[in-house]
Amino acid sequence: MIVTIARVIDPARFLEVFTTVGGEKRREHGCRRAQVFFDPDDAHRAWCVFDWDAKDYEGFLADPEISAIARQLGIQAPPVHICAAADLDA
């Protein structure tokens, strides 16, 4: 699982690009599922949760088309990768 947080200019535009162009590119790099959550206290802060192997995610980040997609998404700065504080069975 990969979790990122990003500030976006326009949440509606972000979702439009994330679900279309972004989805195609993620599938190309082995992503199996993605979810987006918007912070209830800040609608411009998007939490993205991906079912993705770390190696495939690294390949995605290295793809030369990603910077153009990020501009379309309206991401204000590179997303922050969040690491789990704990990994529990239940």
PDB file of N, CA and C in Angstrom:
ATOM      1  N   MET A   1       0.839  -1.162   0.000  1.00  0.00           N
ATOM      2  CA  MET A   1       0.000   0.000   0.000  1.00  0.00           C
ATOM      3  C   MET A   1       0.891   1.234   0.000  1.00  0.00           C
ATOM      4  N   ILE A   2       0.526   2.205  -0.812  1.00  0.00           N
ATOM      5  CA  ILE A   2       1.220   3.490  -0.897  1.00  0.00           C
ATOM      6  C   ILE A   2       0.206   4.567  -0.515  1.00  0.00           C
ATOM      7  N   VAL A   3       0.607   5.492   0.361  1.00  0.00           N
ATOM      8  CA  VAL A   3      -0.267   6.603   0.749  1.00  0.00           C
ATOM      9  C   VAL A   3       0.487   7.905   0.500  1.00  0.00           C
ATOM     10  N   THR A   4      -0.186   8.843  -0.164  1.00  0.00           N
ATOM     11  CA  THR A   4       0.408  10.155  -0.408  1.00  0.00           C
ATOM     12  C   THR A   4      -0.582  11.253  -0.014  1.00  0.00           C
ATOM     13  N   ILE A   5      -0.042  12.422   0.274  1.00  0.00           N
ATOM     14  CA  ILE A   5      -0.853  13.611   0.536  1.00  0.00           C
ATOM     15  C   ILE A   5      -0.354  14.704  -0.401  1.00  0.00           C
ATOM     16  N   ALA A   6      -1.303  15.423  -1.011  1.00  0.00           N
ATOM     17  CA  ALA A   6      -0.931  16.515  -1.915  1.00  0.00           C
ATOM     18  C   ALA A   6      -1.921  17.660  -1.762  1.00  0.00           C
ATOM     19  N   ARG A   7      -1.416  18.875  -1.950  1.00  0.00           N
ATOM     20  CA  ARG A   7      -2.293  20.050  -2.022  1.00  0.00           C
ATOM     21  C   ARG A   7      -2.635  20.265  -3.489  1.00  0.00           C
ATOM     22  N   VAL A   8      -3.929  20.451  -3.760  1.00  0.00           N
ATOM     23  CA  VAL A   8      -4.392  20.619  -5.130  1.00  0.00           C
ATOM     24  C   VAL A   8      -5.090  21.959  -5.286  1.00  0.00           C
ATOM     25  N   ILE A   9      -4.984  22.517  -6.477  1.00  0.00           N
ATOM     26  CA  ILE A   9      -5.594  23.824  -6.746  1.00  0.00           C
ATOM     27  C   ILE A   9      -7.110  23.708  -6.820  1.00  0.00           C
ATOM     28  N   ASP A  10      -7.594  22.736  -7.573  1.00  0.00           N
ATOM     29  CA  ASP A  10      -9.028  22.571  -7.817  1.00  0.00           C
ATOM     30  C   ASP A  10      -9.395  21.101  -7.594  1.00  0.00           C
ATOM     31  N   PRO A  11     -10.057  20.770  -6.478  1.00  0.00           N
ATOM     32  CA  PRO A  11     -10.376  19.372  -6.193  1.00  0.00           C
ATOM     33  C   PRO A  11     -11.171  18.677  -7.296  1.00  0.00           C
ATOM     34  N   ALA A  12     -12.119  19.357  -7.916  1.00  0.00           N
ATOM     35  CA  ALA A  12     -12.915  18.732  -8.982  1.00  0.00           C
ATOM     36  C   ALA A  12     -12.040  18.403 -10.184  1.00  0.00           C
ATOM     37  N   ARG A  13     -11.185  19.310 -10.575  1.00  0.00           N
ATOM     38  CA  ARG A  13     -10.266  19.068 -11.692  1.00  0.00           C
ATOM     39  C   ARG A  13      -9.310  17.927 -11.351  1.00  0.00           C
ATOM     40  N   PHE A  14      -8.811  17.912 -10.117  1.00  0.00           N
ATOM     41  CA  PHE A  14      -7.923  16.843  -9.671  1.00  0.00           C
ATOM     42  C   PHE A  14      -8.597  15.486  -9.867  1.00  0.00           C
ATOM     43  N   LEU A  15      -9.831  15.341  -9.401  1.00  0.00           N
ATOM     44  CA  LEU A  15     -10.541  14.065  -9.531  1.00  0.00           C
ATOM     45  C   LEU A  15     -10.761  13.678 -10.985  1.00  0.00           C
ATOM     46  N   GLU A  16     -11.078  14.665 -11.821  1.00  0.00           N
ATOM     47  CA  GLU A  16     -11.302  14.387 -13.242  1.00  0.00           C
ATOM     48  C   GLU A  16     -10.049  13.782 -13.881  1.00  0.00           C
ATOM     49  N   VAL A  17      -8.909  14.400 -13.654  1.00  0.00           N
ATOM     50  CA  VAL A  17      -7.654  13.921 -14.247  1.00  0.00           C
ATOM     51  C   VAL A  17      -7.201  12.632 -13.558  1.00  0.00           C
ATOM     52  N   PHE A  18      -7.351  12.552 -12.238  1.00  0.00           N
ATOM     53  CA  PHE A  18      -6.941  11.368 -11.470  1.00  0.00           C
ATOM     54  C   PHE A  18      -7.673  10.128 -11.948  1.00  0.00           C
ATOM     55  N   THR A  19      -8.965  10.271 -12.263  1.00  0.00           N
ATOM     56  CA  THR A  19      -9.762   9.104 -12.650  1.00  0.00           C
ATOM     57  C   THR A  19      -9.617   8.733 -14.117  1.00  0.00           C
ATOM     58  N   THR A  20      -9.092   9.625 -14.942  1.00  0.00           N
ATOM     59  CA  THR A  20      -8.972   9.338 -16.370  1.00  0.00           C
ATOM     60  C   THR A  20      -7.505   9.116 -16.748  1.00  0.00           C
ATOM     61  N   VAL A  21      -6.821  10.182 -17.090  1.00  0.00           N
ATOM     62  CA  VAL A  21      -5.421  10.100 -17.528  1.00  0.00           C
ATOM     63  C   VAL A  21      -4.538   9.467 -16.450  1.00  0.00           C
ATOM     64  N   GLY A  22      -4.738   9.893 -15.206  1.00  0.00           N
ATOM     65  CA  GLY A  22      -3.948   9.334 -14.108  1.00  0.00           C
ATOM     66  C   GLY A  22      -4.201   7.854 -13.923  1.00  0.00           C
ATOM     67  N   GLY A  23      -5.459   7.453 -14.030  1.00  0.00           N
ATOM     68  CA  GLY A  23      -5.808   6.038 -13.883  1.00  0.00           C
ATOM     69  C   GLY A  23      -5.164   5.175 -14.946  1.00  0.00           C
ATOM     70  N   GLU A  24      -5.178   5.647 -16.172  1.00  0.00           N
ATOM     71  CA  GLU A  24      -4.545   4.897 -17.269  1.00  0.00           C
ATOM     72  C   GLU A  24      -3.052   4.702 -16.999  1.00  0.00           C
ATOM     73  N   LYS A  25      -2.407   5.779 -16.562  1.00  0.00           N
ATOM     74  CA  LYS A  25      -0.961   5.716 -16.315  1.00  0.00           C
ATOM     75  C   LYS A  25      -0.656   4.827 -15.110  1.00  0.00           C
ATOM     76  N   ARG A  26      -1.480   4.895 -14.055  1.00  0.00           N
ATOM     77  CA  ARG A  26      -1.254   4.024 -12.896  1.00  0.00           C
ATOM     78  C   ARG A  26      -1.409   2.559 -13.279  1.00  0.00           C
ATOM     79  N   ARG A  27      -2.445   2.229 -14.051  1.00  0.00           N
ATOM     80  CA  ARG A  27      -2.641   0.837 -14.494  1.00  0.00           C
ATOM     81  C   ARG A  27      -1.446   0.358 -15.312  1.00  0.00           C
ATOM     82  N   GLU A  28      -0.927   1.237 -16.157  1.00  0.00           N
ATOM     83  CA  GLU A  28       0.243   0.901 -16.977  1.00  0.00           C
ATOM     84  C   GLU A  28       1.427   0.492 -16.103  1.00  0.00           C
ATOM     85  N   HIS A  29       1.485   1.044 -14.892  1.00  0.00           N
ATOM     86  CA  HIS A  29       2.599   0.769 -13.980  1.00  0.00           C
ATOM     87  C   HIS A  29       2.200  -0.172 -12.843  1.00  0.00           C
ATOM     88  N   GLY A  30       1.139  -0.949 -13.028  1.00  0.00           N
ATOM     89  CA  GLY A  30       0.827  -2.022 -12.093  1.00  0.00           C
ATOM     90  C   GLY A  30      -0.018  -1.668 -10.890  1.00  0.00           C
ATOM     91  N   CYS A  31      -0.554  -0.465 -10.826  1.00  0.00           N
ATOM     92  CA  CYS A  31      -1.429  -0.106  -9.704  1.00  0.00           C
ATOM     93  C   CYS A  31      -2.734  -0.893  -9.824  1.00  0.00           C
ATOM     94  N   ARG A  32      -3.153  -1.495  -8.727  1.00  0.00           N
ATOM     95  CA  ARG A  32      -4.364  -2.325  -8.741  1.00  0.00           C
ATOM     96  C   ARG A  32      -5.613  -1.575  -8.290  1.00  0.00           C
ATOM     97  N   ARG A  33      -5.452  -0.549  -7.475  1.00  0.00           N
ATOM     98  CA  ARG A  33      -6.605   0.192  -6.955  1.00  0.00           C
ATOM     99  C   ARG A  33      -6.112   1.520  -6.395  1.00  0.00           C
ATOM    100  N   ALA A  34      -6.990   2.522  -6.443  1.00  0.00           N
ATOM    101  CA  ALA A  34      -6.652   3.823  -5.865  1.00  0.00           C
ATOM    102  C   ALA A  34      -7.905   4.435  -5.246  1.00  0.00           C
ATOM    103  N   GLN A  35      -7.719   5.111  -4.127  1.00  0.00           N
ATOM    104  CA  GLN A  35      -8.793   5.837  -3.469  1.00  0.00           C
ATOM    105  C   GLN A  35      -8.300   7.247  -3.172  1.00  0.00           C
ATOM    106  N   VAL A  36      -9.209   8.214  -3.243  1.00  0.00           N
ATOM    107  CA  VAL A  36      -8.888   9.599  -2.911  1.00  0.00           C
ATOM    108  C   VAL A  36      -9.805  10.035  -1.778  1.00  0.00           C
ATOM    109  N   PHE A  37      -9.211  10.682  -0.784  1.00  0.00           N
ATOM    110  CA  PHE A  37      -9.960  11.271   0.316  1.00  0.00           C
ATOM    111  C   PHE A  37      -9.573  12.744   0.389  1.00  0.00           C
ATOM    112  N   PHE A  38     -10.557  13.611   0.581  1.00  0.00           N
ATOM    113  CA  PHE A  38     -10.253  15.021   0.794  1.00  0.00           C
ATOM    114  C   PHE A  38     -10.387  15.324   2.278  1.00  0.00           C
ATOM    115  N   ASP A  39      -9.414  16.016   2.795  1.00  0.00           N
ATOM    116  CA  ASP A  39      -9.388  16.392   4.205  1.00  0.00           C
ATOM    117  C   ASP A  39     -10.661  17.179   4.535  1.00  0.00           C
ATOM    118  N   PRO A  40     -11.419  16.782   5.544  1.00  0.00           N
ATOM    119  CA  PRO A  40     -12.658  17.498   5.865  1.00  0.00           C
ATOM    120  C   PRO A  40     -12.426  18.935   6.333  1.00  0.00           C
ATOM    121  N   ASP A  41     -11.202  19.241   6.772  1.00  0.00           N
ATOM    122  CA  ASP A  41     -10.884  20.598   7.209  1.00  0.00           C
ATOM    123  C   ASP A  41     -10.199  21.425   6.128  1.00  0.00           C
ATOM    124  N   ASP A  42      -9.864  20.790   5.002  1.00  0.00           N
ATOM    125  CA  ASP A  42      -9.170  21.492   3.915  1.00  0.00           C
ATOM    126  C   ASP A  42      -9.409  20.730   2.611  1.00  0.00           C
ATOM    127  N   ALA A  43     -10.400  21.147   1.843  1.00  0.00           N
ATOM    128  CA  ALA A  43     -10.791  20.440   0.615  1.00  0.00           C
ATOM    129  C   ALA A  43      -9.691  20.419  -0.443  1.00  0.00           C
ATOM    130  N   HIS A  44      -8.655  21.213  -0.261  1.00  0.00           N
ATOM    131  CA  HIS A  44      -7.556  21.252  -1.228  1.00  0.00           C
ATOM    132  C   HIS A  44      -6.426  20.295  -0.842  1.00  0.00           C
ATOM    133  N   ARG A  45      -6.646  19.522   0.181  1.00  0.00           N
ATOM    134  CA  ARG A  45      -5.652  18.547   0.636  1.00  0.00           C
ATOM    135  C   ARG A  45      -6.187  17.151   0.337  1.00  0.00           C
ATOM    136  N   ALA A  46      -5.542  16.466  -0.608  1.00  0.00           N
ATOM    137  CA  ALA A  46      -5.989  15.145  -1.064  1.00  0.00           C
ATOM    138  C   ALA A  46      -5.093  14.052  -0.502  1.00  0.00           C
ATOM    139  N   TRP A  47      -5.732  13.059   0.097  1.00  0.00           N
ATOM    140  CA  TRP A  47      -5.046  11.861   0.564  1.00  0.00           C
ATOM    141  C   TRP A  47      -5.324  10.782  -0.463  1.00  0.00           C
ATOM    142  N   CYS A  48      -4.291  10.158  -0.997  1.00  0.00           N
ATOM    143  CA  CYS A  48      -4.455   9.111  -2.001  1.00  0.00           C
ATOM    144  C   CYS A  48      -3.871   7.810  -1.461  1.00  0.00           C
ATOM    145  N   VAL A  49      -4.671   6.751  -1.549  1.00  0.00           N
ATOM    146  CA  VAL A  49      -4.277   5.433  -1.063  1.00  0.00           C
ATOM    147  C   VAL A  49      -4.256   4.498  -2.271  1.00  0.00           C
ATOM    148  N   PHE A  50      -3.116   3.866  -2.488  1.00  0.00           N
ATOM    149  CA  PHE A  50      -2.924   3.017  -3.660  1.00  0.00           C
ATOM    150  C   PHE A  50      -2.597   1.594  -3.252  1.00  0.00           C
ATOM    151  N   ASP A  51      -3.179   0.638  -3.944  1.00  0.00           N
ATOM    152  CA  ASP A  51      -2.791  -0.765  -3.830  1.00  0.00           C
ATOM    153  C   ASP A  51      -1.741  -0.974  -4.918  1.00  0.00           C
ATOM    154  N   TRP A  52      -0.469  -0.863  -4.507  1.00  0.00           N
ATOM    155  CA  TRP A  52       0.619  -0.768  -5.468  1.00  0.00           C
ATOM    156  C   TRP A  52       1.888  -1.306  -4.846  1.00  0.00           C
ATOM    157  N   ASP A  53       2.629  -2.091  -5.556  1.00  0.00           N
ATOM    158  CA  ASP A  53       3.936  -2.547  -5.081  1.00  0.00           C
ATOM    159  C   ASP A  53       4.927  -1.390  -5.180  1.00  0.00           C
ATOM    160  N   ALA A  54       5.837  -1.323  -4.208  1.00  0.00           N
ATOM    161  CA  ALA A  54       6.808  -0.221  -4.160  1.00  0.00           C
ATOM    162  C   ALA A  54       7.638  -0.130  -5.438  1.00  0.00           C
ATOM    163  N   LYS A  55       8.040  -1.262  -5.994  1.00  0.00           N
ATOM    164  CA  LYS A  55       8.870  -1.256  -7.208  1.00  0.00           C
ATOM    165  C   LYS A  55       8.096  -0.663  -8.388  1.00  0.00           C
ATOM    166  N   ASP A  56       6.836  -1.048  -8.540  1.00  0.00           N
ATOM    167  CA  ASP A  56       6.011  -0.499  -9.620  1.00  0.00           C
ATOM    168  C   ASP A  56       5.748   0.994  -9.414  1.00  0.00           C
ATOM    169  N   TYR A  57       5.571   1.402  -8.160  1.00  0.00           N
ATOM    170  CA  TYR A  57       5.372   2.821  -7.839  1.00  0.00           C
ATOM    171  C   TYR A  57       6.603   3.636  -8.228  1.00  0.00           C
ATOM    172  N   GLU A  58       7.780   3.104  -7.943  1.00  0.00           N
ATOM    173  CA  GLU A  58       9.022   3.797  -8.315  1.00  0.00           C
ATOM    174  C   GLU A  58       9.118   3.948  -9.834  1.00  0.00           C
ATOM    175  N   GLY A  59       8.708   2.913 -10.568  1.00  0.00           N
ATOM    176  CA  GLY A  59       8.691   2.996 -12.026  1.00  0.00           C
ATOM    177  C   GLY A  59       7.721   4.061 -12.516  1.00  0.00           C
ATOM    178  N   PHE A  60       6.589   4.165 -11.853  1.00  0.00           N
ATOM    179  CA  PHE A  60       5.612   5.203 -12.176  1.00  0.00           C
ATOM    180  C   PHE A  60       6.221   6.587 -11.990  1.00  0.00           C
ATOM    181  N   LEU A  61       6.873   6.800 -10.850  1.00  0.00           N
ATOM    182  CA  LEU A  61       7.477   8.108 -10.573  1.00  0.00           C
ATOM    183  C   LEU A  61       8.574   8.455 -11.577  1.00  0.00           C
ATOM    184  N   ALA A  62       9.261   7.445 -12.102  1.00  0.00           N
ATOM    185  CA  ALA A  62      10.341   7.672 -13.068  1.00  0.00           C
ATOM    186  C   ALA A  62       9.828   7.893 -14.491  1.00  0.00           C
ATOM    187  N   ASP A  63       8.559   7.636 -14.725  1.00  0.00           N
ATOM    188  CA  ASP A  63       7.986   7.790 -16.066  1.00  0.00           C
ATOM    189  C   ASP A  63       8.054   9.265 -16.477  1.00  0.00           C
ATOM    190  N   PRO A  64       8.611   9.583 -17.642  1.00  0.00           N
ATOM    191  CA  PRO A  64       8.760  10.981 -18.059  1.00  0.00           C
ATOM    192  C   PRO A  64       7.429  11.712 -18.286  1.00  0.00           C
ATOM    193  N   GLU A  65       6.331  10.992 -18.422  1.00  0.00           N
ATOM    194  CA  GLU A  65       5.033  11.646 -18.636  1.00  0.00           C
ATOM    195  C   GLU A  65       4.376  12.111 -17.334  1.00  0.00           C
ATOM    196  N   ILE A  66       4.912  11.707 -16.198  1.00  0.00           N
ATOM    197  CA  ILE A  66       4.268  12.005 -14.914  1.00  0.00           C
ATOM    198  C   ILE A  66       4.256  13.496 -14.596  1.00  0.00           C
ATOM    199  N   SER A  67       5.303  14.215 -14.920  1.00  0.00           N
ATOM    200  CA  SER A  67       5.317  15.651 -14.592  1.00  0.00           C
ATOM    201  C   SER A  67       4.208  16.398 -15.329  1.00  0.00           C
ATOM    202  N   ALA A  68       3.930  16.044 -16.563  1.00  0.00           N
ATOM    203  CA  ALA A  68       2.843  16.684 -17.308  1.00  0.00           C
ATOM    204  C   ALA A  68       1.484  16.324 -16.698  1.00  0.00           C
ATOM    205  N   ILE A  69       1.327  15.078 -16.265  1.00  0.00           N
ATOM    206  CA  ILE A  69       0.070  14.670 -15.630  1.00  0.00           C
ATOM    207  C   ILE A  69      -0.094  15.405 -14.305  1.00  0.00           C
ATOM    208  N   ALA A  70       0.982  15.557 -13.552  1.00  0.00           N
ATOM    209  CA  ALA A  70       0.923  16.291 -12.279  1.00  0.00           C
ATOM    210  C   ALA A  70       0.474  17.733 -12.506  1.00  0.00           C
ATOM    211  N   ARG A  71       0.939  18.349 -13.579  1.00  0.00           N
ATOM    212  CA  ARG A  71       0.497  19.716 -13.893  1.00  0.00           C
ATOM    213  C   ARG A  71      -0.997  19.731 -14.195  1.00  0.00           C
ATOM    214  N   GLN A  72      -1.479  18.737 -14.935  1.00  0.00           N
ATOM    215  CA  GLN A  72      -2.914  18.646 -15.227  1.00  0.00           C
ATOM    216  C   GLN A  72      -3.712  18.440 -13.939  1.00  0.00           C
ATOM    217  N   LEU A  73      -3.160  17.671 -13.008  1.00  0.00           N
ATOM    218  CA  LEU A  73      -3.837  17.421 -11.736  1.00  0.00           C
ATOM    219  C   LEU A  73      -3.937  18.685 -10.886  1.00  0.00           C
ATOM    220  N   GLY A  74      -3.065  19.648 -11.138  1.00  0.00           N
ATOM    221  CA  GLY A  74      -3.064  20.876 -10.348  1.00  0.00           C
ATOM    222  C   GLY A  74      -2.465  20.675  -8.966  1.00  0.00           C
ATOM    223  N   ILE A  75      -1.451  19.817  -8.902  1.00  0.00           N
ATOM    224  CA  ILE A  75      -0.759  19.588  -7.632  1.00  0.00           C
ATOM    225  C   ILE A  75       0.174  20.766  -7.380  1.00  0.00           C
ATOM    226  N   GLN A  76       0.080  21.362  -6.187  1.00  0.00           N
ATOM    227  CA  GLN A  76       0.857  22.565  -5.891  1.00  0.00           C
ATOM    228  C   GLN A  76       2.313  22.287  -5.539  1.00  0.00           C
ATOM    229  N   ALA A  77       2.614  21.090  -5.069  1.00  0.00           N
ATOM    230  CA  ALA A  77       3.983  20.681  -4.726  1.00  0.00           C
ATOM    231  C   ALA A  77       4.033  19.165  -4.864  1.00  0.00           C
ATOM    232  N   PRO A  78       5.210  18.587  -4.948  1.00  0.00           N
ATOM    233  CA  PRO A  78       5.264  17.122  -5.038  1.00  0.00           C
ATOM    234  C   PRO A  78       4.525  16.475  -3.868  1.00  0.00           C
ATOM    235  N   PRO A  79       3.770  15.410  -4.138  1.00  0.00           N
ATOM    236  CA  PRO A  79       3.061  14.724  -3.053  1.00  0.00           C
ATOM    237  C   PRO A  79       4.031  14.194  -2.005  1.00  0.00           C
ATOM    238  N   VAL A  80       3.574  14.149  -0.770  1.00  0.00           N
ATOM    239  CA  VAL A  80       4.356  13.602   0.330  1.00  0.00           C
ATOM    240  C   VAL A  80       3.950  12.148   0.507  1.00  0.00           C
ATOM    241  N   HIS A  81       4.916  11.242   0.518  1.00  0.00           N
ATOM    242  CA  HIS A  81       4.683   9.815   0.720  1.00  0.00           C
ATOM    243  C   HIS A  81       4.619   9.568   2.221  1.00  0.00           C
ATOM    244  N   ILE A  82       3.521   9.002   2.679  1.00  0.00           N
ATOM    245  CA  ILE A  82       3.308   8.760   4.099  1.00  0.00           C
ATOM    246  C   ILE A  82       3.678   7.308   4.425  1.00  0.00           C
ATOM    247  N   CYS A  83       4.446   7.122   5.469  1.00  0.00           N
ATOM    248  CA  CYS A  83       4.815   5.777   5.909  1.00  0.00           C
ATOM    249  C   CYS A  83       3.935   5.390   7.102  1.00  0.00           C
ATOM    250  N   ALA A  84       3.557   4.132   7.142  1.00  0.00           N
ATOM    251  CA  ALA A  84       2.707   3.631   8.231  1.00  0.00           C
ATOM    252  C   ALA A  84       3.440   3.708   9.554  1.00  0.00           C
ATOM    253  N   ALA A  85       2.724   4.129  10.592  1.00  0.00           N
ATOM    254  CA  ALA A  85       3.272   4.149  11.938  1.00  0.00           C
ATOM    255  C   ALA A  85       3.242   2.758  12.552  1.00  0.00           C
ATOM    256  N   ALA A  86       2.294   1.923  12.086  1.00  0.00           N
ATOM    257  CA  ALA A  86       2.172   0.548  12.580  1.00  0.00           C
ATOM    258  C   ALA A  86       1.501  -0.290  11.506  1.00  0.00           C
ATOM    259  N   ASP A  87       1.774  -1.573  11.492  1.00  0.00           N
ATOM    260  CA  ASP A  87       1.147  -2.521  10.567  1.00  0.00           C
ATOM    261  C   ASP A  87       0.610  -3.672  11.416  1.00  0.00           C
ATOM    262  N   LEU A  88      -0.710  -3.698  11.603  1.00  0.00           N
ATOM    263  CA  LEU A  88      -1.322  -4.635  12.538  1.00  0.00           C
ATOM    264  C   LEU A  88      -2.246  -5.608  11.825  1.00  0.00           C
ATOM    265  N   ASP A  89      -2.482  -6.761  12.413  1.00  0.00           N
ATOM    266  CA  ASP A  89      -3.394  -7.752  11.859  1.00  0.00           C
ATOM    267  C   ASP A  89      -4.849  -7.305  11.965  1.00  0.00           C
ATOM    268  N   ALA A  90      -5.197  -6.625  13.014  1.00  0.00           N
ATOM    269  CA  ALA A  90      -6.588  -6.189  13.210  1.00  0.00           C
ATOM    270  C   ALA A  90      -6.638  -4.850  13.881  1.00  0.00           C
TER     271      ALA A  90
END
